[in-house]
Amino acid sequence: MNTPQSPSVNEPARQPGKRKTLLALLVAALAIAGAAYGAYYFLDARFHVDTDDAYVNGNVVQITPQVTGTVIAVNADNTQVVKKGEPVVQIDPADATIALQQAEANLGQTVRQIHGLYVNDDKYRADIAQHQSDLSKAQDDLRRRLSTGMTGAVSDEEISHARDAVRSAQAALDAARQQLGANRALTANTSVGKHPDVLASAAHVRDAYLAYARTTLPAPVTGYIAQRTVQVGQRVSPGTPLMSVVPLEQVWVDANFKEWQLRHIRVGQPVELAADVYGSSVIYHGKVVGFTPGTGSALALLPAQNATGNWIKVVQRLPVRIAIPPAELEKHPLRVGLSMNVDVDVKDPTGTQLGTEPTSTYKTDVFAKYGDDADAAIARIIAENE
């Protein structure tokens, strides 16, 4: 019969040794991991500030009418792209056309009347020359009668009639000169095109032309149509929002950082951004361009009042504007309102905390041609009637 073998005396001593080795390896691994994280933090991580409370923002250009009328055509709808200057809404131009035609007719009539004033100058000069000739003739006739009257060949009555003829000729000459002076007061130091009456009529033409041109509403900028509310047949008045145009090449990101995160953020620092719509595979490379001058609660219509006994401190956030290169936006377009993940590299602290770059200017020149076209129409009418 086999007897049971007794356990080895070395096994209990071997197990504590393994535990110590594992603990030592674990401590070493933790120390290495801590050292690696410390090195990573001091060399890179402490120079980055990130947030996921960031959203795409941009200009939303409103299209509103400047005249009252009935909409007869809508040439664009939501999600469609329009080019700058393309007509998107057409208002019935019937009333504006009639007003423009009447103003053009009045301008033509005024030009002809003023042109007649300049023609009258030549007529009055001719009248003066004729009356001067008549006066000279009457004076010669009076001298002859006076020279012969001493001999008794001419009666006193004839001499009196000769004197009356001289006075009549002189009066007619004075009247002609006054008529020329009065007419010259209306035409001196000006031309037909610069005459005040013509300028007044031209202003009415310009006003009527602008009212007519404004029946066609162009797209102020190139972008995508959004928030269309206008319908064909709708009666609109100045200031009524009809639709919006969103230029996606002009968007930016507003990142809402906590107060303590703003400590090292400066204008000009580089930023890496990732959009949820594309994922982490697409990285945008922007830069900090400015800070909002106040928090959202402070700039609200009704700012919060914390002068109460149950006040609790809430960490505030301040929007930081981040610009994105247009080339990257063209390759991977963003939409207004999308969420973004923002990582600011704050290693370079030389920037300013307030923006010092020139103010951005947003403008459109699609309405400038209205004035040019009106001036061309006025010049044509003056040339045709002068």
Protein backbone atom coordinates (compact mmCIF):
# COMPACT_ATOMS: atom_id res chain seq x y z
CA MET A 1 0.00 0.00 0.00
CA ASN A 2 1.38 3.42 -1.11
CA THR A 3 1.79 6.02 1.57
CA PRO A 4 0.94 9.77 0.74
CA GLN A 5 3.92 11.95 0.00
CA SER A 6 4.45 14.99 2.18
CA PRO A 7 4.55 18.46 0.44
CA SER A 8 7.88 19.93 -0.37
CA VAL A 9 9.21 22.40 2.10
CA ASN A 10 10.40 24.75 -0.75
CA GLU A 11 6.92 25.43 -2.20
CA PRO A 12 5.67 27.83 0.55
CA ALA A 13 8.87 29.79 0.29
CA ARG A 14 8.59 29.97 -3.53
CA GLN A 15 5.06 31.52 -3.56
CA PRO A 16 5.87 34.66 -1.48
CA GLY A 17 8.85 35.23 -3.73
CA LYS A 18 6.60 35.25 -6.84
CA ARG A 19 4.22 37.74 -5.23
CA LYS A 20 7.05 40.05 -4.38
CA THR A 21 8.33 39.83 -7.93
CA LEU A 22 4.88 40.61 -9.37
CA LEU A 23 4.42 43.50 -6.96
CA ALA A 24 7.82 44.84 -7.87
CA LEU A 25 7.02 44.57 -11.57
CA LEU A 26 3.67 46.29 -10.99
CA VAL A 27 5.28 49.09 -9.02
CA ALA A 28 7.91 49.46 -11.74
CA ALA A 29 5.24 49.57 -14.44
CA LEU A 30 3.27 52.19 -12.53
CA ALA A 31 6.42 54.22 -11.99
CA ILE A 32 7.30 54.01 -15.67
CA ALA A 33 3.73 54.96 -16.66
CA GLY A 34 3.75 57.86 -14.21
CA ALA A 35 7.10 59.03 -15.48
CA ALA A 36 5.91 58.74 -19.08
CA TYR A 37 2.73 60.69 -18.33
CA GLY A 38 4.70 63.29 -16.40
CA ALA A 39 7.09 63.69 -19.29
CA TYR A 40 4.16 63.90 -21.71
CA TYR A 41 2.41 66.47 -19.52
CA PHE A 42 5.43 68.73 -19.03
CA LEU A 43 6.57 68.44 -22.63
CA ASP A 44 3.24 68.64 -24.47
CA ALA A 45 -0.09 68.23 -22.60
CA ARG A 46 0.25 71.32 -20.41
CA PHE A 47 0.51 73.45 -23.55
CA HIS A 48 -2.94 72.39 -24.84
CA VAL A 49 -6.39 73.62 -23.84
CA ASP A 50 -9.38 71.83 -25.32
CA THR A 51 -13.16 71.91 -25.23
CA ASP A 52 -16.05 70.25 -27.01
CA ASP A 53 -18.40 73.17 -26.24
CA ALA A 54 -17.76 74.75 -29.64
CA TYR A 55 -20.03 75.40 -32.60
CA VAL A 56 -19.75 76.63 -36.17
CA ASN A 57 -21.05 80.14 -36.69
CA GLY A 58 -21.36 82.37 -39.73
CA ASN A 59 -23.16 85.20 -41.47
CA VAL A 60 -26.85 84.75 -42.22
CA VAL A 61 -27.62 87.41 -44.84
CA GLN A 62 -31.28 88.42 -44.88
CA ILE A 63 -33.09 89.19 -48.12
CA THR A 64 -35.74 91.83 -47.48
CA PRO A 65 -37.70 94.00 -49.95
CA GLN A 66 -37.27 97.78 -50.15
CA VAL A 67 -40.59 98.43 -51.86
CA THR A 68 -44.18 97.29 -51.35
CA GLY A 69 -45.64 94.87 -53.85
CA THR A 70 -46.91 91.42 -54.73
CA VAL A 71 -44.42 88.60 -55.26
CA ILE A 72 -44.76 87.12 -58.75
CA ALA A 73 -41.71 84.82 -58.80
CA VAL A 74 -39.42 83.01 -56.36
CA ASN A 75 -36.31 81.74 -58.14
CA ALA A 76 -34.57 79.86 -55.31
CA ASP A 77 -35.48 77.45 -52.54
CA ASN A 78 -33.91 76.08 -49.38
CA THR A 79 -30.62 74.16 -49.81
CA GLN A 80 -30.03 75.65 -53.28
CA VAL A 81 -26.91 77.66 -54.03
CA VAL A 82 -27.16 81.15 -55.57
CA LYS A 83 -24.48 83.37 -57.03
CA LYS A 84 -24.03 86.99 -56.02
CA GLY A 85 -26.29 89.23 -58.08
CA GLU A 86 -28.66 86.50 -59.28
CA PRO A 87 -32.37 87.49 -58.98
CA VAL A 88 -34.03 85.37 -56.30
CA VAL A 89 -37.38 87.16 -55.80
CA GLN A 90 -39.43 89.20 -58.30
CA ILE A 91 -42.07 91.73 -57.21
CA ASP A 92 -44.77 92.92 -59.63
CA PRO A 93 -43.20 95.96 -61.40
CA ALA A 94 -46.38 97.37 -63.02
CA ASP A 95 -46.84 100.37 -60.72
CA ALA A 96 -43.11 101.12 -60.65
CA THR A 97 -42.98 101.00 -64.47
CA ILE A 98 -45.75 103.58 -64.82
CA ALA A 99 -44.10 105.89 -62.28
CA LEU A 100 -40.78 105.57 -64.09
CA GLN A 101 -42.31 106.36 -67.48
CA GLN A 102 -44.04 109.44 -66.05
CA ALA A 103 -40.80 110.66 -64.44
CA GLU A 104 -38.89 110.14 -67.70
CA ALA A 105 -41.54 112.09 -69.65
CA ASN A 106 -41.37 114.96 -67.13
CA LEU A 107 -37.60 115.04 -67.42
CA GLY A 108 -37.77 115.20 -71.22
CA GLN A 109 -40.31 118.03 -71.04
CA THR A 110 -38.17 119.94 -68.54
CA VAL A 111 -35.08 119.56 -70.73
CA ARG A 112 -36.94 120.98 -73.71
CA GLN A 113 -38.22 123.92 -71.65
CA ILE A 114 -34.76 124.72 -70.33
CA HIS A 115 -33.30 124.36 -73.80
CA GLY A 116 -35.87 126.95 -74.88
CA LEU A 117 -34.44 129.37 -72.30
CA TYR A 118 -31.01 129.12 -73.92
CA VAL A 119 -32.56 129.67 -77.34
CA ASN A 120 -34.34 132.77 -75.97
CA ASP A 121 -30.97 134.28 -75.10
CA ASP A 122 -30.14 134.51 -78.80
CA LYS A 123 -33.62 135.84 -79.56
CA TYR A 124 -33.33 138.60 -76.96
CA ARG A 125 -29.89 139.54 -78.24
CA ALA A 126 -31.34 139.88 -81.74
CA ASP A 127 -34.18 142.01 -80.35
CA ILE A 128 -31.65 144.27 -78.61
CA ALA A 129 -29.72 144.70 -81.85
CA GLN A 130 -32.94 145.57 -83.69
CA HIS A 131 -34.03 148.07 -81.02
CA GLN A 132 -30.57 149.62 -81.02
CA SER A 133 -30.91 150.09 -84.76
CA ASP A 134 -34.36 151.61 -84.30
CA LEU A 135 -33.04 153.95 -81.61
CA SER A 136 -30.14 155.03 -83.77
CA LYS A 137 -32.52 155.70 -86.66
CA ALA A 138 -34.89 157.71 -84.43
CA GLN A 139 -31.98 159.75 -83.04
CA ASP A 140 -30.70 160.54 -86.54
CA ASP A 141 -34.22 161.56 -87.58
CA LEU A 142 -34.49 163.85 -84.56
CA ARG A 143 -31.16 165.49 -85.31
CA ARG A 144 -32.19 166.18 -88.90
CA ARG A 145 -35.45 167.78 -87.81
CA LEU A 146 -33.71 169.88 -85.18
CA SER A 147 -31.17 171.14 -87.73
CA THR A 148 -33.87 172.04 -90.24
CA GLY A 149 -36.32 173.29 -87.63
CA MET A 150 -34.18 176.41 -87.09
CA THR A 151 -35.00 177.49 -90.68
CA GLY A 152 -38.70 176.96 -90.15
CA ALA A 153 -38.94 174.10 -92.66
CA VAL A 154 -40.07 171.67 -89.95
CA SER A 155 -42.85 172.32 -87.52
CA ASP A 156 -42.55 171.97 -83.80
CA GLU A 157 -45.09 169.15 -83.91
CA GLU A 158 -42.85 167.05 -86.16
CA ILE A 159 -39.91 167.69 -83.86
CA SER A 160 -42.06 166.60 -80.89
CA HIS A 161 -43.03 163.39 -82.72
CA ALA A 162 -39.34 162.72 -83.44
CA ARG A 163 -38.49 163.14 -79.78
CA ASP A 164 -41.33 160.71 -78.88
CA ALA A 165 -39.96 158.21 -81.39
CA VAL A 166 -36.51 158.39 -79.72
CA ARG A 167 -38.01 157.85 -76.28
CA SER A 168 -40.12 154.94 -77.56
CA ALA A 169 -37.10 153.32 -79.22
CA GLN A 170 -35.06 153.80 -76.02
CA ALA A 171 -37.82 152.24 -73.91
CA ALA A 172 -38.09 149.28 -76.28
CA LEU A 173 -34.31 148.81 -76.09
CA ASP A 174 -34.37 148.93 -72.26
CA ALA A 175 -37.22 146.39 -72.17
CA ALA A 176 -35.31 144.04 -74.48
CA ARG A 177 -32.22 144.34 -72.29
CA GLN A 178 -34.29 143.57 -69.18
CA GLN A 179 -35.79 140.53 -70.86
CA LEU A 180 -32.31 139.31 -71.75
CA GLY A 181 -31.14 139.92 -68.18
CA ALA A 182 -34.12 138.04 -66.73
CA ASN A 183 -33.54 135.13 -69.09
CA ARG A 184 -29.80 135.13 -68.38
CA ALA A 185 -30.57 134.86 -64.67
CA LEU A 186 -32.16 131.47 -65.49
CA THR A 187 -29.34 130.22 -67.70
CA ALA A 188 -26.10 131.90 -66.50
CA ASN A 189 -23.21 129.77 -65.17
CA THR A 190 -24.91 126.50 -65.98
CA SER A 191 -25.78 124.16 -68.82
CA VAL A 192 -28.93 122.32 -69.78
CA GLY A 193 -27.81 119.15 -67.99
CA LYS A 194 -26.79 121.05 -64.84
CA HIS A 195 -29.78 123.38 -64.65
CA PRO A 196 -31.59 123.18 -61.28
CA ASP A 197 -34.94 122.37 -62.90
CA VAL A 198 -33.35 119.55 -64.89
CA LEU A 199 -31.56 118.26 -61.81
CA ALA A 200 -34.85 118.22 -59.88
CA SER A 201 -36.58 116.25 -62.63
CA ALA A 202 -33.56 113.95 -62.87
CA ALA A 203 -33.85 113.25 -59.14
CA HIS A 204 -37.46 112.14 -59.67
CA VAL A 205 -36.31 109.85 -62.48
CA ARG A 206 -33.60 108.40 -60.26
CA ASP A 207 -36.07 107.79 -57.45
CA ALA A 208 -38.55 106.13 -59.82
CA TYR A 209 -35.79 104.06 -61.41
CA LEU A 210 -34.59 102.81 -58.03
CA ALA A 211 -38.16 101.87 -57.09
CA TYR A 212 -38.44 99.96 -60.37
CA ALA A 213 -35.06 98.24 -60.00
CA ARG A 214 -35.85 97.21 -56.43
CA THR A 215 -38.75 95.08 -57.64
CA THR A 216 -36.05 92.52 -58.46
CA LEU A 217 -34.26 91.25 -55.35
CA PRO A 218 -30.76 89.89 -56.07
CA ALA A 219 -28.65 87.65 -53.87
CA PRO A 220 -26.27 89.97 -51.96
CA VAL A 221 -23.60 87.25 -51.66
CA THR A 222 -22.87 83.80 -52.98
CA GLY A 223 -24.22 81.13 -50.66
CA TYR A 224 -26.98 78.67 -49.84
CA ILE A 225 -30.63 79.56 -49.40
CA ALA A 226 -32.11 78.98 -45.94
CA GLN A 227 -35.23 79.99 -44.02
CA ARG A 228 -37.33 80.72 -47.10
CA THR A 229 -40.73 82.00 -46.03
CA VAL A 230 -41.88 83.96 -49.09
CA GLN A 231 -44.58 82.55 -51.37
CA VAL A 232 -45.78 83.58 -54.82
CA GLY A 233 -48.73 85.95 -54.50
CA GLN A 234 -47.68 87.18 -51.08
CA ARG A 235 -48.00 90.91 -50.44
CA VAL A 236 -44.73 92.12 -48.96
CA SER A 237 -43.60 95.43 -47.50
CA PRO A 238 -40.14 96.90 -46.80
CA GLY A 239 -38.28 95.01 -44.09
CA THR A 240 -40.24 91.74 -44.40
CA PRO A 241 -37.77 88.78 -44.12
CA LEU A 242 -38.20 86.66 -47.24
CA MET A 243 -35.24 84.27 -47.06
CA SER A 244 -31.63 84.06 -45.95
CA VAL A 245 -28.37 83.39 -47.77
CA VAL A 246 -25.59 81.64 -45.84
CA PRO A 247 -22.08 82.06 -47.34
CA LEU A 248 -20.37 78.89 -46.12
CA GLU A 249 -16.91 80.12 -47.13
CA GLN A 250 -17.11 82.76 -44.39
CA VAL A 251 -17.87 80.58 -41.37
CA TRP A 252 -15.88 80.49 -38.15
CA VAL A 253 -15.97 78.60 -34.83
CA ASP A 254 -17.04 80.01 -31.46
CA ALA A 255 -15.42 77.88 -28.75
CA ASN A 256 -16.78 78.39 -25.23
CA PHE A 257 -13.85 78.00 -22.80
CA LYS A 258 -14.10 78.04 -19.03
CA GLU A 259 -12.66 80.96 -17.13
CA TRP A 260 -9.53 79.17 -15.96
CA GLN A 261 -8.87 77.84 -19.47
CA LEU A 262 -8.51 81.39 -20.81
CA ARG A 263 -5.45 82.03 -18.65
CA HIS A 264 -2.94 81.19 -21.39
CA ILE A 265 -5.01 81.57 -24.58
CA ARG A 266 -3.78 84.40 -26.79
CA VAL A 267 -4.72 85.84 -30.19
CA GLY A 268 -2.81 84.15 -33.01
CA GLN A 269 -2.25 80.79 -31.31
CA PRO A 270 -2.74 77.72 -33.57
CA VAL A 271 -5.81 75.57 -33.14
CA GLU A 272 -6.69 72.07 -34.27
CA LEU A 273 -10.38 71.38 -34.80
CA ALA A 274 -12.40 68.29 -35.55
CA ALA A 275 -16.04 68.24 -36.59
CA ASP A 276 -18.43 65.54 -35.44
CA VAL A 277 -19.83 65.37 -38.96
CA TYR A 278 -16.44 64.24 -40.35
CA GLY A 279 -14.91 62.57 -37.31
CA SER A 280 -11.29 62.67 -36.19
CA SER A 281 -10.02 61.78 -39.66
CA VAL A 282 -10.46 65.40 -40.81
CA ILE A 283 -8.48 68.00 -38.87
CA TYR A 284 -8.87 71.73 -39.47
CA HIS A 285 -5.96 74.04 -38.69
CA GLY A 286 -7.21 77.41 -37.51
CA LYS A 287 -6.06 80.19 -35.24
CA VAL A 288 -7.46 82.30 -32.44
CA VAL A 289 -8.60 85.69 -33.80
CA GLY A 290 -10.43 87.25 -30.86
CA PHE A 291 -12.43 87.05 -27.66
CA THR A 292 -16.02 88.05 -27.06
CA PRO A 293 -16.01 91.11 -24.74
CA GLY A 294 -18.36 89.46 -22.26
CA THR A 295 -19.95 86.19 -21.23
CA GLY A 296 -23.28 85.08 -22.58
CA SER A 297 -25.05 85.81 -19.31
CA ALA A 298 -23.59 89.31 -19.08
CA LEU A 299 -24.54 90.19 -22.68
CA ALA A 300 -28.02 88.71 -22.43
CA LEU A 301 -31.10 90.87 -22.82
CA LEU A 302 -31.82 90.36 -19.11
CA PRO A 303 -28.45 89.90 -17.33
CA ALA A 304 -28.42 87.66 -14.27
CA GLN A 305 -28.66 89.41 -10.90
CA ASN A 306 -26.68 87.50 -8.26
CA ALA A 307 -27.28 89.83 -5.32
CA THR A 308 -29.29 87.22 -3.41
CA GLY A 309 -28.69 85.17 -0.28
CA ASN A 310 -28.77 81.81 -2.06
CA TRP A 311 -26.06 82.63 -4.59
CA ILE A 312 -24.02 79.71 -5.92
CA LYS A 313 -20.92 80.29 -8.00
CA VAL A 314 -21.19 78.95 -11.53
CA VAL A 315 -18.10 78.68 -13.71
CA GLN A 316 -18.61 81.03 -16.63
CA ARG A 317 -17.62 80.41 -20.24
CA LEU A 318 -16.35 82.98 -22.72
CA PRO A 319 -16.70 82.52 -26.50
CA VAL A 320 -13.38 82.54 -28.36
CA ARG A 321 -13.52 83.08 -32.11
CA ILE A 322 -11.40 80.77 -34.24
CA ALA A 323 -10.82 81.33 -37.94
CA ILE A 324 -10.49 78.43 -40.36
CA PRO A 325 -8.54 78.67 -43.67
CA PRO A 326 -10.87 79.00 -46.69
CA ALA A 327 -8.99 76.23 -48.52
CA GLU A 328 -9.85 73.73 -45.80
CA LEU A 329 -13.47 74.90 -45.74
CA GLU A 330 -13.69 74.44 -49.50
CA LYS A 331 -12.38 70.88 -49.22
CA HIS A 332 -14.54 69.96 -46.23
CA PRO A 333 -17.41 72.47 -45.93
CA LEU A 334 -19.04 73.13 -42.59
CA ARG A 335 -22.61 74.18 -41.80
CA VAL A 336 -23.67 76.79 -39.30
CA GLY A 337 -24.45 75.25 -35.91
CA LEU A 338 -22.36 72.07 -36.18
CA SER A 339 -20.46 70.83 -33.10
CA MET A 340 -16.67 71.04 -33.05
CA ASN A 341 -13.86 69.70 -30.87
CA VAL A 342 -11.24 72.38 -30.30
CA ASP A 343 -7.64 72.03 -29.14
CA VAL A 344 -5.62 75.24 -28.68
CA ASP A 345 -1.82 75.12 -28.59
CA VAL A 346 -0.90 77.69 -25.90
CA LYS A 347 2.86 77.14 -26.03
CA ASP A 348 3.46 80.58 -27.56
CA PRO A 349 2.33 83.23 -25.01
CA THR A 350 3.49 86.27 -27.01
CA GLY A 351 0.07 87.10 -28.46
CA THR A 352 -2.40 89.59 -27.04
CA GLN A 353 -5.57 88.94 -25.11
CA LEU A 354 -7.47 91.52 -27.14
CA GLY A 355 -7.73 91.56 -30.92
CA THR A 356 -5.66 94.26 -32.62
CA GLU A 357 -6.30 93.38 -36.26
CA PRO A 358 -8.43 95.70 -38.46
CA THR A 359 -12.16 95.24 -38.19
CA SER A 360 -13.60 92.73 -40.66
CA THR A 361 -15.73 94.33 -43.36
CA TYR A 362 -18.68 92.60 -44.95
CA LYS A 363 -20.18 94.38 -47.93
CA THR A 364 -21.91 93.83 -51.24
CA ASP A 365 -21.92 95.85 -54.45
CA VAL A 366 -24.92 94.27 -56.19
CA PHE A 367 -27.04 97.36 -55.50
CA ALA A 368 -24.45 99.85 -56.77
CA LYS A 369 -25.39 99.23 -60.41
CA TYR A 370 -28.87 100.63 -59.75
CA GLY A 371 -27.46 104.13 -59.41
CA ASP A 372 -25.21 103.69 -62.45
CA ASP A 373 -28.11 102.49 -64.60
CA ALA A 374 -30.26 105.41 -63.41
CA ASP A 375 -27.52 107.91 -64.31
CA ALA A 376 -27.17 106.32 -67.76
CA ALA A 377 -30.94 106.59 -68.34
CA ILE A 378 -30.95 110.25 -67.25
CA ALA A 379 -28.02 111.09 -69.58
CA ARG A 380 -29.81 109.38 -72.48
CA ILE A 381 -33.04 111.33 -71.90
CA ILE A 382 -31.20 114.66 -71.68
CA ALA A 383 -29.26 113.94 -74.87
CA GLU A 384 -32.43 112.98 -76.77
CA ASN A 385 -34.34 116.14 -75.74
CA GLU A 386 -31.61 118.78 -75.57
